[in-house]
Amino acid sequence: IMKKLFKHKFSWPFLDPVDPVELNIPDYFEVIKNPMDLQEDIPFLYLLLHSCLTSSPFSYVLLTFDNAMLYNPADNAIHQLAIKMRKFF
């Protein structure tokens, strides 16, 4: 599942951590309290999957897309990609 998610044509904005300095969005961490990206947190996701520490380890993947939708307005391209990726997932 994760490999297909990484290879999806719309996954590119979600593969690396958000860099508020580079993107000139200084309020990012004020709005997003639990940042999540797909690439950086993969070892943690696999740990959760294999150790059964949570009933829904994929909620961490969904958080990636939910954060993008929370921070970006509905008419923003990243918001729209997050909707598509969430549905795909």
C-alpha atoms as a PDB file:
ATOM      1  CA  ILE A   1       0.000   0.000   0.000  1.00  0.00           C
ATOM      2  CA  MET A   2       2.711   2.446   0.984  1.00  0.00           C
ATOM      3  CA  LYS A   3       4.770   1.775  -2.145  1.00  0.00           C
ATOM      4  CA  LYS A   4       1.761   2.572  -4.330  1.00  0.00           C
ATOM      5  CA  LEU A   5       1.164   5.721  -2.326  1.00  0.00           C
ATOM      6  CA  PHE A   6       4.777   6.886  -2.809  1.00  0.00           C
ATOM      7  CA  LYS A   7       4.638   6.266  -6.548  1.00  0.00           C
ATOM      8  CA  HIS A   8       1.337   8.086  -7.076  1.00  0.00           C
ATOM      9  CA  LYS A   9       1.705  11.069  -9.403  1.00  0.00           C
ATOM     10  CA  PHE A  10       0.228  13.418  -6.779  1.00  0.00           C
ATOM     11  CA  SER A  11       2.351  12.264  -3.817  1.00  0.00           C
ATOM     12  CA  TRP A  12       5.254  14.679  -4.402  1.00  0.00           C
ATOM     13  CA  PRO A  13       4.130  17.437  -1.976  1.00  0.00           C
ATOM     14  CA  PHE A  14       3.760  14.944   0.871  1.00  0.00           C
ATOM     15  CA  LEU A  15       7.036  13.057   0.689  1.00  0.00           C
ATOM     16  CA  ASP A  16       9.207  15.508   2.635  1.00  0.00           C
ATOM     17  CA  PRO A  17       8.671  17.605   5.747  1.00  0.00           C
ATOM     18  CA  VAL A  18       7.218  21.063   5.220  1.00  0.00           C
ATOM     19  CA  ASP A  19       9.942  23.708   5.406  1.00  0.00           C
ATOM     20  CA  PRO A  20       8.218  26.895   6.632  1.00  0.00           C
ATOM     21  CA  VAL A  21      11.298  29.023   5.883  1.00  0.00           C
ATOM     22  CA  GLU A  22      11.720  27.811   2.321  1.00  0.00           C
ATOM     23  CA  LEU A  23       7.980  28.105   1.640  1.00  0.00           C
ATOM     24  CA  ASN A  24       7.671  31.449   3.442  1.00  0.00           C
ATOM     25  CA  ILE A  25       4.878  30.246   5.725  1.00  0.00           C
ATOM     26  CA  PRO A  26       6.076  31.263   9.200  1.00  0.00           C
ATOM     27  CA  ASP A  27       2.768  30.391  10.882  1.00  0.00           C
ATOM     28  CA  TYR A  28       2.841  26.750   9.760  1.00  0.00           C
ATOM     29  CA  PHE A  29       3.715  25.299  13.169  1.00  0.00           C
ATOM     30  CA  GLU A  30       1.156  27.528  14.861  1.00  0.00           C
ATOM     31  CA  VAL A  31      -1.581  25.978  12.711  1.00  0.00           C
ATOM     32  CA  ILE A  32      -0.215  22.437  12.365  1.00  0.00           C
ATOM     33  CA  LYS A  33       0.500  20.956  15.783  1.00  0.00           C
ATOM     34  CA  ASN A  34       1.382  17.425  14.615  1.00  0.00           C
ATOM     35  CA  PRO A  35       3.368  17.705  11.378  1.00  0.00           C
ATOM     36  CA  MET A  36       3.557  14.537   9.361  1.00  0.00           C
ATOM     37  CA  ASP A  37       5.011  13.569   6.015  1.00  0.00           C
ATOM     38  CA  LEU A  38       5.150  10.237   4.261  1.00  0.00           C
ATOM     39  CA  GLN A  39       8.864   9.708   3.744  1.00  0.00           C
ATOM     40  CA  GLU A  40      10.331  10.785   7.069  1.00  0.00           C
ATOM     41  CA  ASP A  41       7.879   8.845   9.192  1.00  0.00           C
ATOM     42  CA  ILE A  42       7.901   5.539   7.335  1.00  0.00           C
ATOM     43  CA  PRO A  43      10.065   3.673   9.894  1.00  0.00           C
ATOM     44  CA  PHE A  44       7.631   4.786  12.580  1.00  0.00           C
ATOM     45  CA  LEU A  45       4.657   3.619  10.503  1.00  0.00           C
ATOM     46  CA  TYR A  46       6.189   0.210   9.967  1.00  0.00           C
ATOM     47  CA  LEU A  47       6.916  -0.042  13.679  1.00  0.00           C
ATOM     48  CA  LEU A  48       3.281   0.688  14.410  1.00  0.00           C
ATOM     49  CA  LEU A  49       2.072  -1.821  11.852  1.00  0.00           C
ATOM     50  CA  HIS A  50       4.260  -4.615  13.109  1.00  0.00           C
ATOM     51  CA  SER A  51       3.907  -4.016  16.813  1.00  0.00           C
ATOM     52  CA  CYS A  52       0.146  -3.378  16.796  1.00  0.00           C
ATOM     53  CA  LEU A  53       0.555  -0.404  19.120  1.00  0.00           C
ATOM     54  CA  THR A  54      -2.511   1.219  17.656  1.00  0.00           C
ATOM     55  CA  SER A  55      -5.716  -0.002  16.075  1.00  0.00           C
ATOM     56  CA  SER A  56      -5.253   2.372  13.153  1.00  0.00           C
ATOM     57  CA  PRO A  57      -1.612   2.974  12.252  1.00  0.00           C
ATOM     58  CA  PHE A  58      -2.676   4.408   8.918  1.00  0.00           C
ATOM     59  CA  SER A  59      -4.225   7.337  10.762  1.00  0.00           C
ATOM     60  CA  TYR A  60      -0.698   8.776  10.647  1.00  0.00           C
ATOM     61  CA  VAL A  61      -0.783   8.675   6.854  1.00  0.00           C
ATOM     62  CA  LEU A  62      -4.174  10.367   6.833  1.00  0.00           C
ATOM     63  CA  LEU A  63      -2.793  13.055   9.141  1.00  0.00           C
ATOM     64  CA  THR A  64      -0.372  14.025   6.358  1.00  0.00           C
ATOM     65  CA  PHE A  65      -3.262  14.813   4.044  1.00  0.00           C
ATOM     66  CA  ASP A  66      -5.481  16.285   6.765  1.00  0.00           C
ATOM     67  CA  ASN A  67      -2.708  18.722   7.713  1.00  0.00           C
ATOM     68  CA  ALA A  68      -2.396  19.840   4.097  1.00  0.00           C
ATOM     69  CA  MET A  69      -6.140  20.435   3.909  1.00  0.00           C
ATOM     70  CA  LEU A  70      -6.172  22.265   7.232  1.00  0.00           C
ATOM     71  CA  TYR A  71      -3.344  24.634   6.370  1.00  0.00           C
ATOM     72  CA  ASN A  72      -4.162  25.322   2.722  1.00  0.00           C
ATOM     73  CA  PRO A  73      -7.457  26.894   1.609  1.00  0.00           C
ATOM     74  CA  ALA A  74      -9.881  24.697  -0.349  1.00  0.00           C
ATOM     75  CA  ASP A  75      -9.036  26.364  -3.666  1.00  0.00           C
ATOM     76  CA  ASN A  76      -5.275  25.757  -3.202  1.00  0.00           C
ATOM     77  CA  ALA A  77      -3.593  23.129  -5.414  1.00  0.00           C
ATOM     78  CA  ILE A  78      -1.973  21.353  -2.436  1.00  0.00           C
ATOM     79  CA  HIS A  79      -5.339  21.119  -0.689  1.00  0.00           C
ATOM     80  CA  GLN A  80      -6.814  19.572  -3.832  1.00  0.00           C
ATOM     81  CA  LEU A  81      -3.933  17.093  -4.148  1.00  0.00           C
ATOM     82  CA  ALA A  82      -4.405  16.120  -0.504  1.00  0.00           C
ATOM     83  CA  ILE A  83      -8.061  15.324  -1.157  1.00  0.00           C
ATOM     84  CA  LYS A  84      -7.113  13.152  -4.130  1.00  0.00           C
ATOM     85  CA  MET A  85      -4.368  11.354  -2.216  1.00  0.00           C
ATOM     86  CA  ARG A  86      -6.631  10.751   0.785  1.00  0.00           C
ATOM     87  CA  LYS A  87      -9.257   9.180  -1.492  1.00  0.00           C
ATOM     88  CA  PHE A  88      -6.582   7.113  -3.236  1.00  0.00           C
ATOM     89  CA  PHE A  89      -5.254   5.895   0.097  1.00  0.00           C
END
